[in-house]
Amino acid sequence: MFGKKKKAEAAWYDKENWKPALKCSICNGEQVAGFQNIHTGEFKEETLIRGVPELEAFKQKYGIAQITKIY
């Protein structure tokens, strides 16, 4: 119970219907990491990205090697 740490597992997302994406604003440079539906183009926001450490944490959380940018 106490003192044992579980091995960190990648969070799950529907890889057949959603792809990881980084939505970037051309105007102010704001970036939001989330998932885009490959069929409809719908974007679901997950987290605001303010720097490289937050982007790396998002990629590690979901086991993502590459992320697509959308504008």
N, C-alpha and C. Protein backbone atom coordinates (compact mmCIF):
# COMPACT_ATOMS: atom_id res chain seq x y z
N MET A 1 0.82 -1.17 0.00
CA MET A 1 0.00 0.00 0.00
C MET A 1 0.87 1.25 0.00
N PHE A 2 1.58 1.51 1.07
CA PHE A 2 2.44 2.68 1.14
C PHE A 2 3.85 2.30 0.72
N GLY A 3 4.55 3.23 0.10
CA GLY A 3 5.94 3.01 -0.26
C GLY A 3 6.14 2.37 -1.62
N LYS A 4 5.08 1.82 -2.21
CA LYS A 4 5.22 1.20 -3.52
C LYS A 4 4.73 2.18 -4.58
N LYS A 5 5.56 2.37 -5.59
CA LYS A 5 5.18 3.25 -6.68
C LYS A 5 4.84 2.40 -7.90
N LYS A 6 3.75 2.76 -8.54
CA LYS A 6 3.39 2.07 -9.77
C LYS A 6 4.22 2.60 -10.91
N LYS A 7 4.53 1.73 -11.85
CA LYS A 7 5.27 2.14 -13.02
C LYS A 7 4.38 3.04 -13.86
N ALA A 8 4.92 4.16 -14.29
CA ALA A 8 4.15 5.11 -15.08
C ALA A 8 3.81 4.51 -16.44
N GLU A 9 2.52 4.47 -16.74
CA GLU A 9 2.06 3.96 -18.03
C GLU A 9 1.56 5.13 -18.85
N ALA A 10 1.69 5.02 -20.15
CA ALA A 10 1.21 6.07 -21.04
C ALA A 10 -0.31 6.14 -20.96
N ALA A 11 -0.84 7.35 -20.93
CA ALA A 11 -2.28 7.54 -20.92
C ALA A 11 -2.85 7.07 -22.26
N TRP A 12 -4.11 6.70 -22.24
CA TRP A 12 -4.72 6.12 -23.43
C TRP A 12 -5.50 7.17 -24.22
N TYR A 13 -5.46 7.07 -25.54
CA TYR A 13 -6.33 7.83 -26.43
C TYR A 13 -6.63 6.95 -27.64
N ASP A 14 -7.71 7.20 -28.32
CA ASP A 14 -8.16 6.40 -29.47
C ASP A 14 -7.29 6.69 -30.68
N LYS A 15 -6.28 5.87 -30.90
CA LYS A 15 -5.31 6.10 -31.97
C LYS A 15 -5.88 5.86 -33.36
N GLU A 16 -7.00 5.14 -33.45
CA GLU A 16 -7.61 4.89 -34.76
C GLU A 16 -8.41 6.09 -35.26
N ASN A 17 -8.93 6.91 -34.34
CA ASN A 17 -9.79 8.02 -34.73
C ASN A 17 -9.22 9.40 -34.39
N TRP A 18 -8.22 9.46 -33.53
CA TRP A 18 -7.66 10.73 -33.10
C TRP A 18 -6.15 10.73 -33.29
N LYS A 19 -5.59 11.89 -33.67
CA LYS A 19 -4.14 12.02 -33.79
C LYS A 19 -3.71 13.18 -32.90
N PRO A 20 -2.54 13.07 -32.27
CA PRO A 20 -2.05 14.17 -31.44
C PRO A 20 -1.71 15.37 -32.32
N ALA A 21 -2.03 16.55 -31.82
CA ALA A 21 -1.76 17.76 -32.59
C ALA A 21 -1.45 18.92 -31.65
N LEU A 22 -0.72 19.87 -32.18
CA LEU A 22 -0.38 21.09 -31.46
C LEU A 22 -1.01 22.24 -32.23
N LYS A 23 -2.07 22.83 -31.66
CA LYS A 23 -2.78 23.93 -32.31
C LYS A 23 -2.06 25.22 -31.98
N CYS A 24 -1.57 25.91 -33.01
CA CYS A 24 -0.75 27.10 -32.83
C CYS A 24 -1.47 28.32 -33.38
N SER A 25 -1.44 29.41 -32.63
CA SER A 25 -2.01 30.67 -33.07
C SER A 25 -0.96 31.47 -33.83
N ILE A 26 -1.34 31.95 -34.99
CA ILE A 26 -0.41 32.76 -35.79
C ILE A 26 -0.25 34.14 -35.15
N CYS A 27 -1.31 34.65 -34.56
CA CYS A 27 -1.32 36.02 -34.01
C CYS A 27 -0.43 36.19 -32.78
N ASN A 28 -0.68 35.35 -31.77
CA ASN A 28 0.03 35.57 -30.50
C ASN A 28 1.00 34.45 -30.11
N GLY A 29 1.10 33.42 -30.92
CA GLY A 29 2.05 32.35 -30.66
C GLY A 29 1.59 31.34 -29.62
N GLU A 30 0.35 31.46 -29.13
CA GLU A 30 -0.16 30.51 -28.13
C GLU A 30 -0.24 29.11 -28.73
N GLN A 31 0.11 28.10 -27.93
CA GLN A 31 0.07 26.72 -28.39
C GLN A 31 -0.74 25.89 -27.40
N VAL A 32 -1.61 25.03 -27.97
CA VAL A 32 -2.43 24.14 -27.16
C VAL A 32 -2.25 22.73 -27.69
N ALA A 33 -1.90 21.81 -26.81
CA ALA A 33 -1.75 20.41 -27.20
C ALA A 33 -3.07 19.70 -27.00
N GLY A 34 -3.38 18.81 -27.93
CA GLY A 34 -4.62 18.05 -27.83
C GLY A 34 -4.68 17.00 -28.91
N PHE A 35 -5.90 16.65 -29.29
CA PHE A 35 -6.10 15.59 -30.27
C PHE A 35 -7.09 16.04 -31.33
N GLN A 36 -6.79 15.70 -32.60
CA GLN A 36 -7.65 16.06 -33.72
C GLN A 36 -8.27 14.80 -34.29
N ASN A 37 -9.59 14.82 -34.50
CA ASN A 37 -10.29 13.70 -35.09
C ASN A 37 -9.89 13.61 -36.56
N ILE A 38 -9.43 12.44 -37.00
CA ILE A 38 -8.95 12.29 -38.37
C ILE A 38 -10.10 12.26 -39.39
N HIS A 39 -11.33 12.04 -38.92
CA HIS A 39 -12.47 11.97 -39.82
C HIS A 39 -13.19 13.32 -39.95
N THR A 40 -13.35 14.03 -38.85
CA THR A 40 -14.13 15.28 -38.86
C THR A 40 -13.27 16.53 -38.74
N GLY A 41 -12.05 16.42 -38.27
CA GLY A 41 -11.18 17.58 -38.07
C GLY A 41 -11.41 18.26 -36.72
N GLU A 42 -12.34 17.74 -35.92
CA GLU A 42 -12.61 18.31 -34.60
C GLU A 42 -11.35 18.25 -33.74
N PHE A 43 -11.10 19.32 -32.97
CA PHE A 43 -9.93 19.38 -32.10
C PHE A 43 -10.37 19.43 -30.65
N LYS A 44 -9.83 18.53 -29.84
CA LYS A 44 -10.10 18.53 -28.40
C LYS A 44 -8.84 19.00 -27.67
N GLU A 45 -8.98 20.11 -26.94
CA GLU A 45 -7.84 20.66 -26.21
C GLU A 45 -7.54 19.81 -24.98
N GLU A 46 -6.25 19.64 -24.72
CA GLU A 46 -5.82 18.88 -23.55
C GLU A 46 -5.09 19.79 -22.56
N THR A 47 -4.10 20.54 -23.05
CA THR A 47 -3.32 21.38 -22.15
C THR A 47 -2.67 22.55 -22.90
N LEU A 48 -2.52 23.65 -22.21
CA LEU A 48 -1.82 24.82 -22.75
C LEU A 48 -0.31 24.57 -22.67
N ILE A 49 0.39 24.86 -23.74
CA ILE A 49 1.84 24.66 -23.80
C ILE A 49 2.52 26.02 -23.71
N ARG A 50 3.28 26.23 -22.63
CA ARG A 50 3.98 27.50 -22.45
C ARG A 50 5.48 27.37 -22.71
N GLY A 51 5.95 26.15 -22.90
CA GLY A 51 7.38 25.95 -23.14
C GLY A 51 7.68 24.50 -23.48
N VAL A 52 8.93 24.25 -23.78
CA VAL A 52 9.38 22.91 -24.17
C VAL A 52 9.12 21.86 -23.08
N PRO A 53 9.34 22.16 -21.80
CA PRO A 53 9.09 21.14 -20.77
C PRO A 53 7.63 20.66 -20.73
N GLU A 54 6.68 21.57 -20.94
CA GLU A 54 5.27 21.17 -20.95
C GLU A 54 4.94 20.33 -22.17
N LEU A 55 5.53 20.66 -23.32
CA LEU A 55 5.32 19.86 -24.52
C LEU A 55 5.90 18.46 -24.34
N GLU A 56 7.09 18.37 -23.79
CA GLU A 56 7.72 17.06 -23.55
C GLU A 56 6.90 16.23 -22.55
N ALA A 57 6.35 16.88 -21.54
CA ALA A 57 5.52 16.17 -20.56
C ALA A 57 4.26 15.62 -21.22
N PHE A 58 3.64 16.39 -22.11
CA PHE A 58 2.45 15.94 -22.84
C PHE A 58 2.80 14.73 -23.71
N LYS A 59 3.91 14.83 -24.44
CA LYS A 59 4.32 13.73 -25.31
C LYS A 59 4.64 12.47 -24.51
N GLN A 60 5.27 12.64 -23.38
CA GLN A 60 5.61 11.49 -22.54
C GLN A 60 4.36 10.87 -21.92
N LYS A 61 3.42 11.71 -21.50
CA LYS A 61 2.18 11.22 -20.88
C LYS A 61 1.42 10.29 -21.81
N TYR A 62 1.40 10.60 -23.12
CA TYR A 62 0.65 9.80 -24.08
C TYR A 62 1.52 8.90 -24.95
N GLY A 63 2.82 8.88 -24.71
CA GLY A 63 3.72 8.03 -25.48
C GLY A 63 3.82 8.46 -26.94
N ILE A 64 3.92 9.75 -27.17
CA ILE A 64 3.95 10.32 -28.52
C ILE A 64 5.38 10.64 -28.91
N ALA A 65 5.77 10.21 -30.12
CA ALA A 65 7.12 10.53 -30.60
C ALA A 65 7.11 11.83 -31.39
N GLN A 66 6.13 11.99 -32.28
CA GLN A 66 6.03 13.20 -33.10
C GLN A 66 4.62 13.78 -32.96
N ILE A 67 4.53 15.09 -33.08
CA ILE A 67 3.24 15.77 -32.97
C ILE A 67 3.10 16.74 -34.14
N THR A 68 1.92 16.77 -34.74
CA THR A 68 1.65 17.61 -35.88
C THR A 68 1.21 19.01 -35.42
N LYS A 69 1.63 20.03 -36.13
CA LYS A 69 1.19 21.40 -35.85
C LYS A 69 0.05 21.76 -36.79
N ILE A 70 -0.99 22.37 -36.22
CA ILE A 70 -2.08 22.89 -37.04
C ILE A 70 -2.25 24.36 -36.72
N TYR A 71 -2.62 25.15 -37.71
CA TYR A 71 -2.75 26.60 -37.52
C TYR A 71 -4.18 27.03 -37.75
